[in-house]
Amino acid sequence: EEVVVAKQPTLSLVWETDTSLTTNESVLPHEGVLYVSNIAGMPTDKDGVGYISKVDMDGQVTDLKWVDGLDAPKGMGVLNGKLYVTNITELVEINLADGQILKRYNVSGSEFLNDVAIGNDVVYFSDMNTGKLHVLSQGVISPRAVNHKDLNGLAYADGKLYGLDAEGLHQFDANEIINSEVTGGDGLVVIDANTFIASRWSGEIWLIKDGVATMLLDTKGDEIQTADIAYLPEQNLVLVPRFFSNKVSAYRLDY
């Protein structure tokens, strides 16, 4: 009788940007543009040298410093024509139409704001140092969850909010741990209700399917980081910010 062997999921490199992106932490696809946040200085320095770039769908940098004057921008999300980006201890609101900074929300007590997810008409964002999940709703910031040690990567899909912290992959509303192997994750993508891609900053990308984690990529030995990833479902492309390697890599996911 035929033995069915489960297919090993793989990532294969399709393109990379040039290395003009400086300490890029996050990539966000929106309406045919890839927005990339660049820390440029150090991840905790309020130095004003951070910026956001625009990259096209083939990996060409089309506007290197589309928005500048940030400190250490990390996670991003779009809501109602505005781009929201975390910036150490503030959440910055940028007009997508022209790149103008509209508002800076100081987040009281915050230390290391990191990822952003949009859902339910609100902006969710994490503080990795304090273990808090914050929400911006109708111009007001309030805590949504606390005591999530090392909380970083967030994703929202089908009415559910997911996060990566020291315990693994969480679904917040059910307070359920979906996988406890991929701890301390950085970037999170929801492919469907049972399938996720998660990155660890040091150079790992994992597929979590039906609760089971499989490593797709390991570049730790080359000291090439894998920060806050994104996914293009129509092309099965995983977009990987390379942090200190100063580029974004796009990999085709086969699973």
C-alpha atoms as a PDB file:
ATOM      1  CA  GLU A   1       0.000   0.000   0.000  1.00  0.00           C
ATOM      2  CA  GLU A   2       1.051   3.578  -0.627  1.00  0.00           C
ATOM      3  CA  VAL A   3       2.764   5.424   2.187  1.00  0.00           C
ATOM      4  CA  VAL A   4       1.855   9.101   2.235  1.00  0.00           C
ATOM      5  CA  VAL A   5       4.737  11.233   3.442  1.00  0.00           C
ATOM      6  CA  ALA A   6       3.803  14.698   4.656  1.00  0.00           C
ATOM      7  CA  LYS A   7       5.410  17.353   2.495  1.00  0.00           C
ATOM      8  CA  GLN A   8       8.173  19.289   4.224  1.00  0.00           C
ATOM      9  CA  PRO A   9       7.332  23.005   4.035  1.00  0.00           C
ATOM     10  CA  THR A  10      10.042  25.148   2.441  1.00  0.00           C
ATOM     11  CA  LEU A  11      11.022  28.763   1.841  1.00  0.00           C
ATOM     12  CA  SER A  12      12.891  29.658  -1.356  1.00  0.00           C
ATOM     13  CA  LEU A  13      14.404  33.088  -2.013  1.00  0.00           C
ATOM     14  CA  VAL A  14      12.696  35.100  -4.785  1.00  0.00           C
ATOM     15  CA  TRP A  15      14.179  38.601  -4.427  1.00  0.00           C
ATOM     16  CA  GLU A  16      16.032  40.911  -2.079  1.00  0.00           C
ATOM     17  CA  THR A  17      16.188  44.686  -1.885  1.00  0.00           C
ATOM     18  CA  ASP A  18      19.486  46.538  -2.071  1.00  0.00           C
ATOM     19  CA  THR A  19      21.147  47.384   1.250  1.00  0.00           C
ATOM     20  CA  SER A  20      20.017  51.020   1.473  1.00  0.00           C
ATOM     21  CA  LEU A  21      17.462  50.134   4.158  1.00  0.00           C
ATOM     22  CA  THR A  22      19.120  50.797   7.527  1.00  0.00           C
ATOM     23  CA  THR A  23      18.385  48.440  10.428  1.00  0.00           C
ATOM     24  CA  ASN A  24      14.959  47.658   9.008  1.00  0.00           C
ATOM     25  CA  GLU A  25      12.636  46.093  11.574  1.00  0.00           C
ATOM     26  CA  SER A  26       9.233  45.671   9.968  1.00  0.00           C
ATOM     27  CA  VAL A  27       7.626  45.400   6.537  1.00  0.00           C
ATOM     28  CA  LEU A  28       3.950  46.080   5.853  1.00  0.00           C
ATOM     29  CA  PRO A  29       2.221  45.460   2.498  1.00  0.00           C
ATOM     30  CA  HIS A  30      -0.631  47.838   1.704  1.00  0.00           C
ATOM     31  CA  GLU A  31      -2.278  48.412  -1.683  1.00  0.00           C
ATOM     32  CA  GLY A  32       0.710  47.413  -3.779  1.00  0.00           C
ATOM     33  CA  VAL A  33       3.323  49.200  -1.657  1.00  0.00           C
ATOM     34  CA  LEU A  34       5.662  47.679   0.908  1.00  0.00           C
ATOM     35  CA  TYR A  35       6.246  50.051   3.822  1.00  0.00           C
ATOM     36  CA  VAL A  36       9.503  49.374   5.681  1.00  0.00           C
ATOM     37  CA  SER A  37      10.414  50.807   9.089  1.00  0.00           C
ATOM     38  CA  ASN A  38      14.102  51.643   9.537  1.00  0.00           C
ATOM     39  CA  ILE A  39      15.576  52.127  13.011  1.00  0.00           C
ATOM     40  CA  ALA A  40      18.871  53.448  11.549  1.00  0.00           C
ATOM     41  CA  GLY A  41      20.353  54.132  14.990  1.00  0.00           C
ATOM     42  CA  MET A  42      19.965  51.829  17.984  1.00  0.00           C
ATOM     43  CA  PRO A  43      16.598  50.191  18.805  1.00  0.00           C
ATOM     44  CA  THR A  44      16.190  52.162  22.059  1.00  0.00           C
ATOM     45  CA  ASP A  45      17.720  55.526  21.091  1.00  0.00           C
ATOM     46  CA  LYS A  46      15.499  58.591  20.754  1.00  0.00           C
ATOM     47  CA  ASP A  47      17.806  60.023  18.107  1.00  0.00           C
ATOM     48  CA  GLY A  48      15.463  61.230  15.353  1.00  0.00           C
ATOM     49  CA  VAL A  49      17.275  59.250  12.645  1.00  0.00           C
ATOM     50  CA  GLY A  50      14.604  56.591  12.072  1.00  0.00           C
ATOM     51  CA  TYR A  51      12.567  56.595   8.865  1.00  0.00           C
ATOM     52  CA  ILE A  52      10.015  54.724   6.767  1.00  0.00           C
ATOM     53  CA  SER A  53      10.707  53.618   3.204  1.00  0.00           C
ATOM     54  CA  LYS A  54       8.475  52.639   0.314  1.00  0.00           C
ATOM     55  CA  VAL A  55       9.440  49.547  -1.673  1.00  0.00           C
ATOM     56  CA  ASP A  56       7.645  48.129  -4.715  1.00  0.00           C
ATOM     57  CA  MET A  57       6.414  44.554  -5.071  1.00  0.00           C
ATOM     58  CA  ASP A  58       9.624  43.506  -6.849  1.00  0.00           C
ATOM     59  CA  GLY A  59      11.906  44.746  -4.089  1.00  0.00           C
ATOM     60  CA  GLN A  60      12.924  48.073  -5.626  1.00  0.00           C
ATOM     61  CA  VAL A  61      13.239  50.906  -3.096  1.00  0.00           C
ATOM     62  CA  THR A  62      11.087  53.681  -4.581  1.00  0.00           C
ATOM     63  CA  ASP A  63      11.238  56.259  -1.745  1.00  0.00           C
ATOM     64  CA  LEU A  64      13.985  55.666   0.810  1.00  0.00           C
ATOM     65  CA  LYS A  65      13.005  58.355   3.315  1.00  0.00           C
ATOM     66  CA  TRP A  66       9.279  58.707   2.654  1.00  0.00           C
ATOM     67  CA  VAL A  67       8.862  59.675   6.333  1.00  0.00           C
ATOM     68  CA  ASP A  68      11.821  60.709   8.467  1.00  0.00           C
ATOM     69  CA  GLY A  69      12.354  62.295  11.876  1.00  0.00           C
ATOM     70  CA  LEU A  70      11.402  59.142  13.777  1.00  0.00           C
ATOM     71  CA  ASP A  71      13.530  57.525  16.491  1.00  0.00           C
ATOM     72  CA  ALA A  72      13.411  53.734  16.239  1.00  0.00           C
ATOM     73  CA  PRO A  73      10.222  52.839  14.325  1.00  0.00           C
ATOM     74  CA  LYS A  74       9.185  49.205  14.533  1.00  0.00           C
ATOM     75  CA  GLY A  75       5.728  47.668  13.990  1.00  0.00           C
ATOM     76  CA  MET A  76       3.195  49.220  11.610  1.00  0.00           C
ATOM     77  CA  GLY A  77      -0.475  48.999  10.702  1.00  0.00           C
ATOM     78  CA  VAL A  78      -2.952  50.890   8.519  1.00  0.00           C
ATOM     79  CA  LEU A  79      -6.380  52.080   9.645  1.00  0.00           C
ATOM     80  CA  ASN A  80      -8.638  54.580   7.846  1.00  0.00           C
ATOM     81  CA  GLY A  81      -5.917  56.011   5.611  1.00  0.00           C
ATOM     82  CA  LYS A  82      -3.430  56.405   8.449  1.00  0.00           C
ATOM     83  CA  LEU A  83      -0.230  54.472   9.042  1.00  0.00           C
ATOM     84  CA  TYR A  84       0.433  53.768  12.712  1.00  0.00           C
ATOM     85  CA  VAL A  85       3.994  52.965  13.793  1.00  0.00           C
ATOM     86  CA  THR A  86       5.472  52.299  17.220  1.00  0.00           C
ATOM     87  CA  ASN A  87       8.378  54.562  18.140  1.00  0.00           C
ATOM     88  CA  ILE A  88       9.899  53.388  21.467  1.00  0.00           C
ATOM     89  CA  THR A  89       7.470  55.097  23.878  1.00  0.00           C
ATOM     90  CA  GLU A  90       4.991  56.647  21.446  1.00  0.00           C
ATOM     91  CA  LEU A  91       2.615  55.618  18.697  1.00  0.00           C
ATOM     92  CA  VAL A  92       2.962  57.818  15.609  1.00  0.00           C
ATOM     93  CA  GLU A  93       0.066  58.492  13.221  1.00  0.00           C
ATOM     94  CA  ILE A  94       1.075  59.242   9.621  1.00  0.00           C
ATOM     95  CA  ASN A  95      -1.112  60.290   6.706  1.00  0.00           C
ATOM     96  CA  LEU A  96      -0.731  57.630   3.995  1.00  0.00           C
ATOM     97  CA  ALA A  97      -1.628  60.084   1.244  1.00  0.00           C
ATOM     98  CA  ASP A  98       1.368  62.387   1.761  1.00  0.00           C
ATOM     99  CA  GLY A  99       3.590  60.954   4.505  1.00  0.00           C
ATOM    100  CA  GLN A 100       2.885  63.786   6.926  1.00  0.00           C
ATOM    101  CA  ILE A 101       3.108  62.993  10.635  1.00  0.00           C
ATOM    102  CA  LEU A 102      -0.321  63.884  12.006  1.00  0.00           C
ATOM    103  CA  LYS A 103      -0.036  62.940  15.655  1.00  0.00           C
ATOM    104  CA  ARG A 104       2.286  61.442  18.240  1.00  0.00           C
ATOM    105  CA  TYR A 105       0.602  59.579  21.081  1.00  0.00           C
ATOM    106  CA  ASN A 106       2.822  59.350  24.148  1.00  0.00           C
ATOM    107  CA  VAL A 107       2.195  55.993  25.837  1.00  0.00           C
ATOM    108  CA  SER A 108       2.505  56.505  29.580  1.00  0.00           C
ATOM    109  CA  GLY A 109       4.729  53.962  31.331  1.00  0.00           C
ATOM    110  CA  SER A 110       5.841  52.333  28.095  1.00  0.00           C
ATOM    111  CA  GLU A 111       9.437  51.253  27.493  1.00  0.00           C
ATOM    112  CA  PHE A 112       9.836  49.294  24.242  1.00  0.00           C
ATOM    113  CA  LEU A 113       6.761  49.466  22.031  1.00  0.00           C
ATOM    114  CA  ASN A 114       7.070  46.936  19.256  1.00  0.00           C
ATOM    115  CA  ASP A 115       4.490  45.314  17.007  1.00  0.00           C
ATOM    116  CA  VAL A 116       1.167  46.641  15.688  1.00  0.00           C
ATOM    117  CA  ALA A 117      -1.994  44.862  14.541  1.00  0.00           C
ATOM    118  CA  ILE A 118      -5.226  46.373  13.244  1.00  0.00           C
ATOM    119  CA  GLY A 119      -8.607  44.839  13.938  1.00  0.00           C
ATOM    120  CA  ASN A 120     -12.104  45.760  14.969  1.00  0.00           C
ATOM    121  CA  ASP A 121     -11.393  49.403  13.973  1.00  0.00           C
ATOM    122  CA  VAL A 122      -8.711  49.761  16.630  1.00  0.00           C
ATOM    123  CA  VAL A 123      -4.906  49.729  16.750  1.00  0.00           C
ATOM    124  CA  TYR A 124      -3.361  47.033  18.948  1.00  0.00           C
ATOM    125  CA  PHE A 125       0.298  47.344  19.889  1.00  0.00           C
ATOM    126  CA  SER A 126       2.696  45.553  22.209  1.00  0.00           C
ATOM    127  CA  ASP A 127       5.306  46.655  24.729  1.00  0.00           C
ATOM    128  CA  MET A 128       7.964  43.964  24.865  1.00  0.00           C
ATOM    129  CA  ASN A 129       9.585  45.268  28.061  1.00  0.00           C
ATOM    130  CA  THR A 130       6.471  45.727  30.191  1.00  0.00           C
ATOM    131  CA  GLY A 131       4.504  42.766  28.781  1.00  0.00           C
ATOM    132  CA  LYS A 132       1.487  44.934  28.030  1.00  0.00           C
ATOM    133  CA  LEU A 133      -0.878  44.925  25.101  1.00  0.00           C
ATOM    134  CA  HIS A 134      -2.185  48.436  24.410  1.00  0.00           C
ATOM    135  CA  VAL A 135      -5.090  49.561  22.265  1.00  0.00           C
ATOM    136  CA  LEU A 136      -5.755  52.885  20.540  1.00  0.00           C
ATOM    137  CA  SER A 137      -9.486  53.385  20.124  1.00  0.00           C
ATOM    138  CA  GLN A 138     -11.145  56.673  19.133  1.00  0.00           C
ATOM    139  CA  GLY A 139      -8.030  58.643  20.024  1.00  0.00           C
ATOM    140  CA  VAL A 140      -7.559  57.097  23.471  1.00  0.00           C
ATOM    141  CA  ILE A 141      -4.857  54.606  24.481  1.00  0.00           C
ATOM    142  CA  SER A 142      -5.627  52.020  27.159  1.00  0.00           C
ATOM    143  CA  PRO A 143      -4.158  48.661  28.252  1.00  0.00           C
ATOM    144  CA  ARG A 144      -5.925  45.613  26.811  1.00  0.00           C
ATOM    145  CA  ALA A 145      -3.839  42.877  28.500  1.00  0.00           C
ATOM    146  CA  VAL A 146      -0.956  42.741  30.967  1.00  0.00           C
ATOM    147  CA  ASN A 147       1.626  40.240  32.236  1.00  0.00           C
ATOM    148  CA  HIS A 148       2.538  38.836  28.805  1.00  0.00           C
ATOM    149  CA  LYS A 149       6.297  38.610  29.266  1.00  0.00           C
ATOM    150  CA  ASP A 150       8.319  39.546  26.130  1.00  0.00           C
ATOM    151  CA  LEU A 151       5.132  40.247  24.143  1.00  0.00           C
ATOM    152  CA  ASN A 152       6.083  41.278  20.618  1.00  0.00           C
ATOM    153  CA  GLY A 153       4.505  39.938  17.410  1.00  0.00           C
ATOM    154  CA  LEU A 154       0.774  40.600  16.961  1.00  0.00           C
ATOM    155  CA  ALA A 155      -1.689  39.582  14.263  1.00  0.00           C
ATOM    156  CA  TYR A 156      -5.451  39.975  13.857  1.00  0.00           C
ATOM    157  CA  ALA A 157      -7.585  37.718  11.670  1.00  0.00           C
ATOM    158  CA  ASP A 158     -11.259  36.726  11.550  1.00  0.00           C
ATOM    159  CA  GLY A 159     -12.126  38.547  14.742  1.00  0.00           C
ATOM    160  CA  LYS A 160      -9.275  37.049  16.740  1.00  0.00           C
ATOM    161  CA  LEU A 161      -6.109  38.636  18.090  1.00  0.00           C
ATOM    162  CA  TYR A 162      -2.921  36.577  18.300  1.00  0.00           C
ATOM    163  CA  GLY A 163       0.425  37.350  19.919  1.00  0.00           C
ATOM    164  CA  LEU A 164       3.893  35.940  20.471  1.00  0.00           C
ATOM    165  CA  ASP A 165       5.404  36.116  23.947  1.00  0.00           C
ATOM    166  CA  ALA A 166       7.643  34.180  26.340  1.00  0.00           C
ATOM    167  CA  GLU A 167       5.063  31.381  26.552  1.00  0.00           C
ATOM    168  CA  GLY A 168       4.618  30.948  22.794  1.00  0.00           C
ATOM    169  CA  LEU A 169       1.779  31.706  20.384  1.00  0.00           C
ATOM    170  CA  HIS A 170      -1.324  33.070  22.135  1.00  0.00           C
ATOM    171  CA  GLN A 171      -4.882  33.613  21.060  1.00  0.00           C
ATOM    172  CA  PHE A 172      -5.889  36.458  23.347  1.00  0.00           C
ATOM    173  CA  ASP A 173      -9.675  36.258  23.520  1.00  0.00           C
ATOM    174  CA  ALA A 174      -9.690  32.577  24.446  1.00  0.00           C
ATOM    175  CA  ASN A 175      -6.496  33.040  26.479  1.00  0.00           C
ATOM    176  CA  GLU A 176      -5.212  29.921  24.742  1.00  0.00           C
ATOM    177  CA  ILE A 177      -1.629  28.922  23.945  1.00  0.00           C
ATOM    178  CA  ILE A 178      -1.613  27.449  20.432  1.00  0.00           C
ATOM    179  CA  ASN A 179       2.074  26.544  20.428  1.00  0.00           C
ATOM    180  CA  SER A 180       4.614  26.732  23.271  1.00  0.00           C
ATOM    181  CA  GLU A 181       7.733  25.910  21.237  1.00  0.00           C
ATOM    182  CA  VAL A 182       8.145  29.211  19.377  1.00  0.00           C
ATOM    183  CA  THR A 183       8.729  31.446  22.381  1.00  0.00           C
ATOM    184  CA  GLY A 184       9.972  35.030  22.227  1.00  0.00           C
ATOM    185  CA  GLY A 185       8.758  35.459  18.659  1.00  0.00           C
ATOM    186  CA  ASP A 186       9.098  38.701  16.708  1.00  0.00           C
ATOM    187  CA  GLY A 187       6.868  38.696  13.612  1.00  0.00           C
ATOM    188  CA  LEU A 188       3.541  36.875  13.251  1.00  0.00           C
ATOM    189  CA  VAL A 189       1.380  36.131  10.211  1.00  0.00           C
ATOM    190  CA  VAL A 190      -1.963  34.312  10.172  1.00  0.00           C
ATOM    191  CA  ILE A 191      -2.461  32.239   7.014  1.00  0.00           C
ATOM    192  CA  ASP A 192      -5.675  30.597   8.206  1.00  0.00           C
ATOM    193  CA  ALA A 193      -7.285  29.594  11.490  1.00  0.00           C
ATOM    194  CA  ASN A 194      -4.843  26.693  11.934  1.00  0.00           C
ATOM    195  CA  THR A 195      -1.745  27.970  10.122  1.00  0.00           C
ATOM    196  CA  PHE A 196       0.695  30.666  11.228  1.00  0.00           C
ATOM    197  CA  ILE A 197       4.176  31.883  10.343  1.00  0.00           C
ATOM    198  CA  ALA A 198       6.317  33.226  13.159  1.00  0.00           C
ATOM    199  CA  SER A 199       9.822  34.648  13.214  1.00  0.00           C
ATOM    200  CA  ARG A 200      12.392  34.867  15.950  1.00  0.00           C
ATOM    201  CA  TRP A 201      14.612  37.912  15.629  1.00  0.00           C
ATOM    202  CA  SER A 202      17.909  35.981  15.837  1.00  0.00           C
ATOM    203  CA  GLY A 203      17.298  34.308  12.468  1.00  0.00           C
ATOM    204  CA  GLU A 204      14.497  31.740  12.617  1.00  0.00           C
ATOM    205  CA  ILE A 205      11.211  31.449  10.721  1.00  0.00           C
ATOM    206  CA  TRP A 206       8.680  28.816  11.749  1.00  0.00           C
ATOM    207  CA  LEU A 207       5.473  27.426  10.298  1.00  0.00           C
ATOM    208  CA  ILE A 208       2.940  26.551  12.998  1.00  0.00           C
ATOM    209  CA  LYS A 209       0.236  24.283  11.597  1.00  0.00           C
ATOM    210  CA  ASP A 210      -2.386  22.578  13.742  1.00  0.00           C
ATOM    211  CA  GLY A 211      -0.309  23.528  16.769  1.00  0.00           C
ATOM    212  CA  VAL A 212       2.884  21.884  15.482  1.00  0.00           C
ATOM    213  CA  ALA A 213       5.949  24.025  14.708  1.00  0.00           C
ATOM    214  CA  THR A 214       8.336  23.331  11.813  1.00  0.00           C
ATOM    215  CA  MET A 215      11.415  25.463  11.200  1.00  0.00           C
ATOM    216  CA  LEU A 216      11.448  26.927   7.684  1.00  0.00           C
ATOM    217  CA  LEU A 217      14.595  29.045   7.837  1.00  0.00           C
ATOM    218  CA  ASP A 218      17.613  29.344  10.117  1.00  0.00           C
ATOM    219  CA  THR A 219      20.119  32.110   9.398  1.00  0.00           C
ATOM    220  CA  LYS A 220      21.448  32.456  12.957  1.00  0.00           C
ATOM    221  CA  GLY A 221      24.835  31.042  11.953  1.00  0.00           C
ATOM    222  CA  ASP A 222      25.222  33.824   9.392  1.00  0.00           C
ATOM    223  CA  GLU A 223      24.035  36.409  11.936  1.00  0.00           C
ATOM    224  CA  ILE A 224      21.268  37.473   9.547  1.00  0.00           C
ATOM    225  CA  GLN A 225      18.205  38.475  11.559  1.00  0.00           C
ATOM    226  CA  THR A 226      14.575  37.759  10.768  1.00  0.00           C
ATOM    227  CA  ALA A 227      12.511  40.551  12.317  1.00  0.00           C
ATOM    228  CA  ASP A 228       8.841  41.542  11.861  1.00  0.00           C
ATOM    229  CA  ILE A 229       7.737  39.508   8.826  1.00  0.00           C
ATOM    230  CA  ALA A 230       4.755  39.956   6.494  1.00  0.00           C
ATOM    231  CA  TYR A 231       2.972  37.705   3.987  1.00  0.00           C
ATOM    232  CA  LEU A 232       1.570  38.192   0.486  1.00  0.00           C
ATOM    233  CA  PRO A 233      -1.006  35.391   0.106  1.00  0.00           C
ATOM    234  CA  GLU A 234      -1.587  35.850  -3.632  1.00  0.00           C
ATOM    235  CA  GLN A 235       2.101  35.124  -4.294  1.00  0.00           C
ATOM    236  CA  ASN A 236       2.800  32.934  -1.237  1.00  0.00           C
ATOM    237  CA  LEU A 237       5.628  35.328  -0.400  1.00  0.00           C
ATOM    238  CA  VAL A 238       7.035  35.763   3.097  1.00  0.00           C
ATOM    239  CA  LEU A 239       8.681  39.201   3.429  1.00  0.00           C
ATOM    240  CA  VAL A 240      11.582  39.237   5.867  1.00  0.00           C
ATOM    241  CA  PRO A 241      13.213  42.396   7.284  1.00  0.00           C
ATOM    242  CA  ARG A 242      16.900  41.603   7.857  1.00  0.00           C
ATOM    243  CA  PHE A 243      17.606  44.227  10.540  1.00  0.00           C
ATOM    244  CA  PHE A 244      21.414  44.685  10.723  1.00  0.00           C
ATOM    245  CA  SER A 245      21.795  43.253   7.189  1.00  0.00           C
ATOM    246  CA  ASN A 246      19.919  46.329   5.884  1.00  0.00           C
ATOM    247  CA  LYS A 247      17.655  44.621   3.366  1.00  0.00           C
ATOM    248  CA  VAL A 248      14.296  42.902   2.939  1.00  0.00           C
ATOM    249  CA  SER A 249      14.240  39.353   1.540  1.00  0.00           C
ATOM    250  CA  ALA A 250      11.190  37.762  -0.089  1.00  0.00           C
ATOM    251  CA  TYR A 251      10.777  33.977   0.096  1.00  0.00           C
ATOM    252  CA  ARG A 252       8.185  31.778  -1.581  1.00  0.00           C
ATOM    253  CA  LEU A 253       6.431  29.531   0.908  1.00  0.00           C
ATOM    254  CA  ASP A 254       5.611  26.013  -0.240  1.00  0.00           C
ATOM    255  CA  TYR A 255       3.652  23.996   2.293  1.00  0.00           C
END
